């Protein structure tokens, strides 16, 4: 997978942070799709008594989506970009939401140790160098029976979806980044999606990391076949579970 170095990528997000909410707002489905993936965690009773880890929270869009789905949950939201996290923390949040500055690879050093009832990752895993190691660490952070939802650009494997993604990047996403001075980040976005696992491959990777009941669900609209929700669970007592 073609990646920027961790420090370069964090700095690119720092630079884009002041304009990030405005740019993603141009995608009419951006927030609705995050909310859909958060609801797919299916946390009962509004998340009462549950602790959710939101990794790669950015400016807080995924955190807000989780609050809509589980308003009574406690949320720890983490991001490697100080600039993005500053934007997130400046917004109005309930007392049970806290933000932590840390790469996902170094959560324990930042005091994020769990166990958690659920983990949500929005647009994160394409940016991880050692994907299998991070998935194993996330699995270990979940309590038995804990749930994972990944909201990610992961192409279906269809040539048509690959071509559509490249066309949208060339016509809309990269030109928008050029106007704001963030061209490098959005060129990276295009390449990272093309280089990332297809949806079936990432689902298999989740299963190999120990997640049970793995499912792949599409999002509607033009991003069908481009963005998916991936669901999985840490088994209780080693027992296999067929579905969430």
C-alpha atoms as a PDB file:
ATOM      1  CA  UNK A   1       0.000   0.000   0.000  1.00  0.00           C
ATOM      2  CA  UNK A   2       1.291   3.485  -0.893  1.00  0.00           C
ATOM      3  CA  UNK A   3       1.458   5.567   2.292  1.00  0.00           C
ATOM      4  CA  UNK A   4       2.865   8.880   3.384  1.00  0.00           C
ATOM      5  CA  UNK A   5       5.106   8.622   6.418  1.00  0.00           C
ATOM      6  CA  UNK A   6       3.097   8.907   9.661  1.00  0.00           C
ATOM      7  CA  UNK A   7       4.513  12.346  10.443  1.00  0.00           C
ATOM      8  CA  UNK A   8       3.880  13.627   6.903  1.00  0.00           C
ATOM      9  CA  UNK A   9       0.294  12.389   6.926  1.00  0.00           C
ATOM     10  CA  UNK A  10      -0.438  13.898  10.348  1.00  0.00           C
ATOM     11  CA  UNK A  11       1.041  17.212   9.187  1.00  0.00           C
ATOM     12  CA  UNK A  12      -1.068  17.107   6.011  1.00  0.00           C
ATOM     13  CA  UNK A  13      -4.204  16.648   8.106  1.00  0.00           C
ATOM     14  CA  UNK A  14      -3.039  19.420  10.462  1.00  0.00           C
ATOM     15  CA  UNK A  15      -2.753  21.745   7.457  1.00  0.00           C
ATOM     16  CA  UNK A  16      -6.174  20.756   6.098  1.00  0.00           C
ATOM     17  CA  UNK A  17      -7.972  20.917   9.467  1.00  0.00           C
ATOM     18  CA  UNK A  18      -9.289  24.522   9.224  1.00  0.00           C
ATOM     19  CA  UNK A  19     -11.031  23.704   5.934  1.00  0.00           C
ATOM     20  CA  UNK A  20     -11.819  20.033   6.460  1.00  0.00           C
ATOM     21  CA  UNK A  21     -15.419  20.305   7.684  1.00  0.00           C
ATOM     22  CA  UNK A  22     -16.284  22.630   4.826  1.00  0.00           C
ATOM     23  CA  UNK A  23     -14.751  20.310   2.231  1.00  0.00           C
ATOM     24  CA  UNK A  24     -16.402  17.108   3.450  1.00  0.00           C
ATOM     25  CA  UNK A  25     -19.672  19.037   3.702  1.00  0.00           C
ATOM     26  CA  UNK A  26     -19.634  19.228  -0.103  1.00  0.00           C
ATOM     27  CA  UNK A  27     -20.326  15.467  -0.085  1.00  0.00           C
ATOM     28  CA  UNK A  28     -24.051  15.343   0.641  1.00  0.00           C
ATOM     29  CA  UNK A  29     -23.843  11.808   2.026  1.00  0.00           C
ATOM     30  CA  UNK A  30     -20.758  12.199   4.209  1.00  0.00           C
ATOM     31  CA  UNK A  31     -22.432  12.703   7.596  1.00  0.00           C
ATOM     32  CA  UNK A  32     -25.474  10.565   6.810  1.00  0.00           C
ATOM     33  CA  UNK A  33     -23.261   7.623   5.860  1.00  0.00           C
ATOM     34  CA  UNK A  34     -21.221   7.924   9.065  1.00  0.00           C
ATOM     35  CA  UNK A  35     -24.452   7.970  11.083  1.00  0.00           C
ATOM     36  CA  UNK A  36     -25.651   4.875   9.218  1.00  0.00           C
ATOM     37  CA  UNK A  37     -22.455   2.987  10.050  1.00  0.00           C
ATOM     38  CA  UNK A  38     -22.668   4.069  13.703  1.00  0.00           C
ATOM     39  CA  UNK A  39     -26.258   2.799  13.919  1.00  0.00           C
ATOM     40  CA  UNK A  40     -25.094  -0.515  12.511  1.00  0.00           C
ATOM     41  CA  UNK A  41     -23.238  -1.126  15.785  1.00  0.00           C
ATOM     42  CA  UNK A  42     -26.734  -1.735  17.195  1.00  0.00           C
ATOM     43  CA  UNK A  43     -25.879  -0.770  20.756  1.00  0.00           C
ATOM     44  CA  UNK A  44     -28.953  -1.315  22.953  1.00  0.00           C
ATOM     45  CA  UNK A  45     -30.594   1.172  25.336  1.00  0.00           C
ATOM     46  CA  UNK A  46     -29.038   4.197  23.676  1.00  0.00           C
ATOM     47  CA  UNK A  47     -25.602   2.925  24.650  1.00  0.00           C
ATOM     48  CA  UNK A  48     -26.282   3.314  28.375  1.00  0.00           C
ATOM     49  CA  UNK A  49     -23.363   1.910  30.369  1.00  0.00           C
ATOM     50  CA  UNK A  50     -21.297   1.332  27.212  1.00  0.00           C
ATOM     51  CA  UNK A  51     -17.832   2.739  26.505  1.00  0.00           C
ATOM     52  CA  UNK A  52     -17.033   3.332  22.814  1.00  0.00           C
ATOM     53  CA  UNK A  53     -13.597   3.954  21.314  1.00  0.00           C
ATOM     54  CA  UNK A  54     -13.680   6.215  18.237  1.00  0.00           C
ATOM     55  CA  UNK A  55     -10.341   5.846  16.433  1.00  0.00           C
ATOM     56  CA  UNK A  56      -9.426   8.294  13.707  1.00  0.00           C
ATOM     57  CA  UNK A  57     -12.085  10.755  14.908  1.00  0.00           C
ATOM     58  CA  UNK A  58     -10.737  13.675  12.850  1.00  0.00           C
ATOM     59  CA  UNK A  59     -12.731  16.844  13.484  1.00  0.00           C
ATOM     60  CA  UNK A  60     -15.402  14.867  15.340  1.00  0.00           C
ATOM     61  CA  UNK A  61     -17.819  13.834  12.574  1.00  0.00           C
ATOM     62  CA  UNK A  62     -17.638  10.173  13.586  1.00  0.00           C
ATOM     63  CA  UNK A  63     -17.955  11.132  17.261  1.00  0.00           C
ATOM     64  CA  UNK A  64     -21.134  13.069  16.498  1.00  0.00           C
ATOM     65  CA  UNK A  65     -22.458  10.104  14.519  1.00  0.00           C
ATOM     66  CA  UNK A  66     -21.833   7.810  17.481  1.00  0.00           C
ATOM     67  CA  UNK A  67     -23.633  10.205  19.822  1.00  0.00           C
ATOM     68  CA  UNK A  68     -26.663  10.154  17.533  1.00  0.00           C
ATOM     69  CA  UNK A  69     -26.657   6.352  17.571  1.00  0.00           C
ATOM     70  CA  UNK A  70     -25.802   5.920  21.272  1.00  0.00           C
ATOM     71  CA  UNK A  71     -26.489   9.202  23.127  1.00  0.00           C
ATOM     72  CA  UNK A  72     -26.001   7.636  26.566  1.00  0.00           C
ATOM     73  CA  UNK A  73     -22.622   6.053  25.840  1.00  0.00           C
ATOM     74  CA  UNK A  74     -19.235   7.203  27.069  1.00  0.00           C
ATOM     75  CA  UNK A  75     -16.921   7.937  24.125  1.00  0.00           C
ATOM     76  CA  UNK A  76     -13.143   8.169  23.939  1.00  0.00           C
ATOM     77  CA  UNK A  77     -12.193   9.729  20.599  1.00  0.00           C
ATOM     78  CA  UNK A  78      -8.624   9.493  19.301  1.00  0.00           C
ATOM     79  CA  UNK A  79      -6.718  11.016  16.393  1.00  0.00           C
ATOM     80  CA  UNK A  80      -3.068  11.359  15.354  1.00  0.00           C
ATOM     81  CA  UNK A  81      -3.518  14.885  13.955  1.00  0.00           C
ATOM     82  CA  UNK A  82      -3.295  17.625  16.562  1.00  0.00           C
ATOM     83  CA  UNK A  83      -4.917  20.083  14.169  1.00  0.00           C
ATOM     84  CA  UNK A  84      -7.931  17.881  13.495  1.00  0.00           C
ATOM     85  CA  UNK A  85      -8.301  17.051  17.167  1.00  0.00           C
ATOM     86  CA  UNK A  86      -8.173  20.742  18.132  1.00  0.00           C
ATOM     87  CA  UNK A  87     -11.090  21.381  15.777  1.00  0.00           C
ATOM     88  CA  UNK A  88     -13.005  18.453  17.261  1.00  0.00           C
ATOM     89  CA  UNK A  89     -12.410  19.408  20.881  1.00  0.00           C
ATOM     90  CA  UNK A  90     -13.499  23.012  20.252  1.00  0.00           C
ATOM     91  CA  UNK A  91     -17.045  21.839  19.476  1.00  0.00           C
ATOM     92  CA  UNK A  92     -19.747  21.359  22.097  1.00  0.00           C
ATOM     93  CA  UNK A  93     -19.817  17.859  23.585  1.00  0.00           C
ATOM     94  CA  UNK A  94     -21.418  16.084  26.557  1.00  0.00           C
ATOM     95  CA  UNK A  95     -19.237  15.467  29.600  1.00  0.00           C
ATOM     96  CA  UNK A  96     -18.901  11.766  28.710  1.00  0.00           C
ATOM     97  CA  UNK A  97     -16.916  12.539  25.528  1.00  0.00           C
ATOM     98  CA  UNK A  98     -13.144  12.959  25.766  1.00  0.00           C
ATOM     99  CA  UNK A  99     -10.495  13.467  23.102  1.00  0.00           C
ATOM    100  CA  UNK A 100      -6.997  11.962  23.087  1.00  0.00           C
ATOM    101  CA  UNK A 101      -4.117  12.880  20.787  1.00  0.00           C
ATOM    102  CA  UNK A 102      -2.437   9.651  19.724  1.00  0.00           C
ATOM    103  CA  UNK A 103      -1.673   7.512  16.675  1.00  0.00           C
ATOM    104  CA  UNK A 104      -3.724   4.336  16.721  1.00  0.00           C
ATOM    105  CA  UNK A 105      -0.469   2.365  16.936  1.00  0.00           C
ATOM    106  CA  UNK A 106       0.381   3.920  20.331  1.00  0.00           C
ATOM    107  CA  UNK A 107      -2.901   3.981  22.224  1.00  0.00           C
ATOM    108  CA  UNK A 108      -1.552   2.289  25.359  1.00  0.00           C
ATOM    109  CA  UNK A 109       1.177   4.921  25.728  1.00  0.00           C
ATOM    110  CA  UNK A 110      -1.564   7.575  25.584  1.00  0.00           C
ATOM    111  CA  UNK A 111      -3.489   5.862  28.376  1.00  0.00           C
ATOM    112  CA  UNK A 112      -6.160   4.331  26.123  1.00  0.00           C
ATOM    113  CA  UNK A 113      -6.328   0.767  27.382  1.00  0.00           C
ATOM    114  CA  UNK A 114      -9.974  -0.352  27.475  1.00  0.00           C
ATOM    115  CA  UNK A 115     -11.672  -2.710  27.557  1.00  0.00           C
ATOM    116  CA  UNK A 116     -14.303  -1.160  25.311  1.00  0.00           C
ATOM    117  CA  UNK A 117     -17.797  -2.300  24.467  1.00  0.00           C
ATOM    118  CA  UNK A 118     -17.431  -1.083  20.887  1.00  0.00           C
ATOM    119  CA  UNK A 119     -14.833   0.379  18.551  1.00  0.00           C
ATOM    120  CA  UNK A 120     -15.668   2.623  15.616  1.00  0.00           C
ATOM    121  CA  UNK A 121     -13.129   3.492  12.907  1.00  0.00           C
ATOM    122  CA  UNK A 122     -14.098   6.041  10.262  1.00  0.00           C
ATOM    123  CA  UNK A 123     -11.808   6.428   7.233  1.00  0.00           C
ATOM    124  CA  UNK A 124      -8.815   5.214   9.263  1.00  0.00           C
ATOM    125  CA  UNK A 125      -7.431   1.871   8.186  1.00  0.00           C
ATOM    126  CA  UNK A 126      -6.241   2.980   4.719  1.00  0.00           C
ATOM    127  CA  UNK A 127      -3.780   5.193   6.591  1.00  0.00           C
ATOM    128  CA  UNK A 128      -2.253   2.463   8.756  1.00  0.00           C
ATOM    129  CA  UNK A 129       1.117   0.993   7.785  1.00  0.00           C
ATOM    130  CA  UNK A 130       0.890  -2.331   9.674  1.00  0.00           C
ATOM    131  CA  UNK A 131      -2.792  -3.066   9.223  1.00  0.00           C
ATOM    132  CA  UNK A 132      -2.805  -6.570  10.681  1.00  0.00           C
ATOM    133  CA  UNK A 133      -0.972  -5.470  13.840  1.00  0.00           C
ATOM    134  CA  UNK A 134      -3.419  -2.625  14.423  1.00  0.00           C
ATOM    135  CA  UNK A 135      -6.429  -4.876  13.861  1.00  0.00           C
ATOM    136  CA  UNK A 136      -5.031  -7.355  16.387  1.00  0.00           C
ATOM    137  CA  UNK A 137      -4.562  -4.506  18.891  1.00  0.00           C
ATOM    138  CA  UNK A 138      -8.113  -3.262  18.316  1.00  0.00           C
ATOM    139  CA  UNK A 139      -9.443  -6.785  18.803  1.00  0.00           C
ATOM    140  CA  UNK A 140      -7.587  -6.974  22.124  1.00  0.00           C
ATOM    141  CA  UNK A 141      -9.104  -3.646  23.260  1.00  0.00           C
ATOM    142  CA  UNK A 142     -12.638  -5.025  22.968  1.00  0.00           C
ATOM    143  CA  UNK A 143     -14.252  -6.862  25.812  1.00  0.00           C
ATOM    144  CA  UNK A 144     -15.637 -10.337  24.935  1.00  0.00           C
ATOM    145  CA  UNK A 145     -18.745  -9.743  22.868  1.00  0.00           C
ATOM    146  CA  UNK A 146     -17.574  -6.216  22.005  1.00  0.00           C
ATOM    147  CA  UNK A 147     -18.451  -4.877  18.564  1.00  0.00           C
ATOM    148  CA  UNK A 148     -16.441  -3.280  15.778  1.00  0.00           C
ATOM    149  CA  UNK A 149     -17.737  -1.040  12.990  1.00  0.00           C
ATOM    150  CA  UNK A 150     -15.371   0.188  10.282  1.00  0.00           C
ATOM    151  CA  UNK A 151     -16.577   2.876   7.879  1.00  0.00           C
ATOM    152  CA  UNK A 152     -14.086   2.950   5.048  1.00  0.00           C
ATOM    153  CA  UNK A 153     -13.337   3.587   1.409  1.00  0.00           C
ATOM    154  CA  UNK A 154     -12.874   0.013   0.205  1.00  0.00           C
ATOM    155  CA  UNK A 155     -13.679  -0.690  -3.426  1.00  0.00           C
ATOM    156  CA  UNK A 156     -15.910  -3.610  -4.308  1.00  0.00           C
ATOM    157  CA  UNK A 157     -13.367  -5.055  -6.729  1.00  0.00           C
ATOM    158  CA  UNK A 158     -15.437  -4.032  -9.745  1.00  0.00           C
ATOM    159  CA  UNK A 159     -13.574  -2.211 -12.514  1.00  0.00           C
ATOM    160  CA  UNK A 160     -16.562   0.144 -12.820  1.00  0.00           C
ATOM    161  CA  UNK A 161     -16.309   1.241  -9.193  1.00  0.00           C
ATOM    162  CA  UNK A 162     -12.556   1.726  -9.512  1.00  0.00           C
ATOM    163  CA  UNK A 163     -13.074   3.884 -12.603  1.00  0.00           C
ATOM    164  CA  UNK A 164     -15.830   5.894 -10.911  1.00  0.00           C
ATOM    165  CA  UNK A 165     -13.607   6.636  -7.933  1.00  0.00           C
ATOM    166  CA  UNK A 166     -10.763   7.815 -10.171  1.00  0.00           C
ATOM    167  CA  UNK A 167     -13.148   9.987 -12.176  1.00  0.00           C
ATOM    168  CA  UNK A 168     -14.641  11.658  -9.091  1.00  0.00           C
ATOM    169  CA  UNK A 169     -11.172  12.320  -7.713  1.00  0.00           C
ATOM    170  CA  UNK A 170      -9.983  13.833 -10.975  1.00  0.00           C
ATOM    171  CA  UNK A 171     -13.077  15.973 -11.533  1.00  0.00           C
ATOM    172  CA  UNK A 172     -14.011  17.035  -7.988  1.00  0.00           C
ATOM    173  CA  UNK A 173     -11.849  15.965  -5.045  1.00  0.00           C
ATOM    174  CA  UNK A 174      -8.352  16.882  -6.248  1.00  0.00           C
ATOM    175  CA  UNK A 175      -9.449  20.213  -7.804  1.00  0.00           C
ATOM    176  CA  UNK A 176     -11.141  21.134  -4.506  1.00  0.00           C
ATOM    177  CA  UNK A 177      -7.918  20.301  -2.668  1.00  0.00           C
ATOM    178  CA  UNK A 178      -5.967  22.449  -5.120  1.00  0.00           C
ATOM    179  CA  UNK A 179      -8.168  25.479  -4.362  1.00  0.00           C
ATOM    180  CA  UNK A 180      -7.578  25.091  -0.610  1.00  0.00           C
ATOM    181  CA  UNK A 181      -3.859  24.318  -0.887  1.00  0.00           C
ATOM    182  CA  UNK A 182      -4.274  20.690   0.194  1.00  0.00           C
ATOM    183  CA  UNK A 183      -3.526  19.024  -3.142  1.00  0.00           C
ATOM    184  CA  UNK A 184      -1.052  16.518  -1.705  1.00  0.00           C
ATOM    185  CA  UNK A 185      -3.529  15.196   0.835  1.00  0.00           C
ATOM    186  CA  UNK A 186      -6.271  14.645  -1.738  1.00  0.00           C
ATOM    187  CA  UNK A 187      -3.934  13.069  -4.258  1.00  0.00           C
ATOM    188  CA  UNK A 188      -2.944  10.745  -1.431  1.00  0.00           C
ATOM    189  CA  UNK A 189      -6.637  10.056  -0.748  1.00  0.00           C
ATOM    190  CA  UNK A 190      -7.155   8.953  -4.344  1.00  0.00           C
ATOM    191  CA  UNK A 191      -4.125   6.665  -4.342  1.00  0.00           C
ATOM    192  CA  UNK A 192      -4.777   5.224  -0.872  1.00  0.00           C
ATOM    193  CA  UNK A 193      -8.262   4.067  -1.874  1.00  0.00           C
ATOM    194  CA  UNK A 194      -7.005   2.458  -5.082  1.00  0.00           C
ATOM    195  CA  UNK A 195      -4.219   0.687  -3.174  1.00  0.00           C
ATOM    196  CA  UNK A 196      -6.313  -0.432  -0.192  1.00  0.00           C
ATOM    197  CA  UNK A 197      -7.947  -3.845   0.260  1.00  0.00           C
ATOM    198  CA  UNK A 198     -11.086  -4.541  -1.724  1.00  0.00           C
ATOM    199  CA  UNK A 199     -14.139  -5.032   0.470  1.00  0.00           C
ATOM    200  CA  UNK A 200     -13.951  -8.859   0.358  1.00  0.00           C
ATOM    201  CA  UNK A 201     -10.219  -8.770   1.138  1.00  0.00           C
ATOM    202  CA  UNK A 202     -10.652  -6.454   4.130  1.00  0.00           C
ATOM    203  CA  UNK A 203     -13.511  -8.595   5.478  1.00  0.00           C
ATOM    204  CA  UNK A 204     -11.215 -11.625   5.264  1.00  0.00           C
ATOM    205  CA  UNK A 205      -8.515  -9.650   7.066  1.00  0.00           C
ATOM    206  CA  UNK A 206     -10.946  -8.894   9.903  1.00  0.00           C
ATOM    207  CA  UNK A 207     -11.781 -12.574  10.225  1.00  0.00           C
ATOM    208  CA  UNK A 208      -8.083 -13.462  10.272  1.00  0.00           C
ATOM    209  CA  UNK A 209      -7.593 -10.955  13.113  1.00  0.00           C
ATOM    210  CA  UNK A 210     -10.116 -12.894  15.198  1.00  0.00           C
ATOM    211  CA  UNK A 211     -13.338 -10.982  14.568  1.00  0.00           C
ATOM    212  CA  UNK A 212     -16.423 -13.179  14.273  1.00  0.00           C
ATOM    213  CA  UNK A 213     -19.692 -12.592  12.485  1.00  0.00           C
ATOM    214  CA  UNK A 214     -18.015 -10.329   9.962  1.00  0.00           C
ATOM    215  CA  UNK A 215     -20.368  -8.563   7.568  1.00  0.00           C
ATOM    216  CA  UNK A 216     -19.907  -6.071   4.732  1.00  0.00           C
ATOM    217  CA  UNK A 217     -22.704  -3.590   4.100  1.00  0.00           C
ATOM    218  CA  UNK A 218     -22.807  -0.953   1.348  1.00  0.00           C
ATOM    219  CA  UNK A 219     -23.763   2.686   1.634  1.00  0.00           C
ATOM    220  CA  UNK A 220     -26.345   4.134  -0.781  1.00  0.00           C
ATOM    221  CA  UNK A 221     -25.927   6.677  -3.535  1.00  0.00           C
ATOM    222  CA  UNK A 222     -22.917   7.263  -5.766  1.00  0.00           C
ATOM    223  CA  UNK A 223     -20.584   5.738  -3.152  1.00  0.00           C
ATOM    224  CA  UNK A 224     -22.175   2.278  -3.419  1.00  0.00           C
ATOM    225  CA  UNK A 225     -19.295  -0.072  -4.161  1.00  0.00           C
ATOM    226  CA  UNK A 226     -16.796   2.549  -2.969  1.00  0.00           C
ATOM    227  CA  UNK A 227     -17.595   3.003   0.742  1.00  0.00           C
ATOM    228  CA  UNK A 228     -18.647   0.110   2.985  1.00  0.00           C
ATOM    229  CA  UNK A 229     -19.476  -0.600   6.599  1.00  0.00           C
ATOM    230  CA  UNK A 230     -17.590  -3.592   8.005  1.00  0.00           C
ATOM    231  CA  UNK A 231     -18.959  -5.228  11.137  1.00  0.00           C
ATOM    232  CA  UNK A 232     -17.401  -7.763  13.458  1.00  0.00           C
ATOM    233  CA  UNK A 233     -17.331  -8.862  17.045  1.00  0.00           C
ATOM    234  CA  UNK A 234     -14.885 -10.252  19.562  1.00  0.00           C
ATOM    235  CA  UNK A 235     -16.218 -13.674  20.462  1.00  0.00           C
ATOM    236  CA  UNK A 236     -17.395 -14.388  23.993  1.00  0.00           C
ATOM    237  CA  UNK A 237     -15.386 -17.124  25.622  1.00  0.00           C
ATOM    238  CA  UNK A 238     -13.938 -18.219  22.266  1.00  0.00           C
ATOM    239  CA  UNK A 239     -17.346 -19.268  20.936  1.00  0.00           C
ATOM    240  CA  UNK A 240     -18.014 -18.623  17.262  1.00  0.00           C
ATOM    241  CA  UNK A 241     -20.864 -16.259  16.440  1.00  0.00           C
ATOM    242  CA  UNK A 242     -22.534 -16.322  13.053  1.00  0.00           C
ATOM    243  CA  UNK A 243     -23.998 -12.792  12.966  1.00  0.00           C
ATOM    244  CA  UNK A 244     -24.056  -9.516  14.875  1.00  0.00           C
END
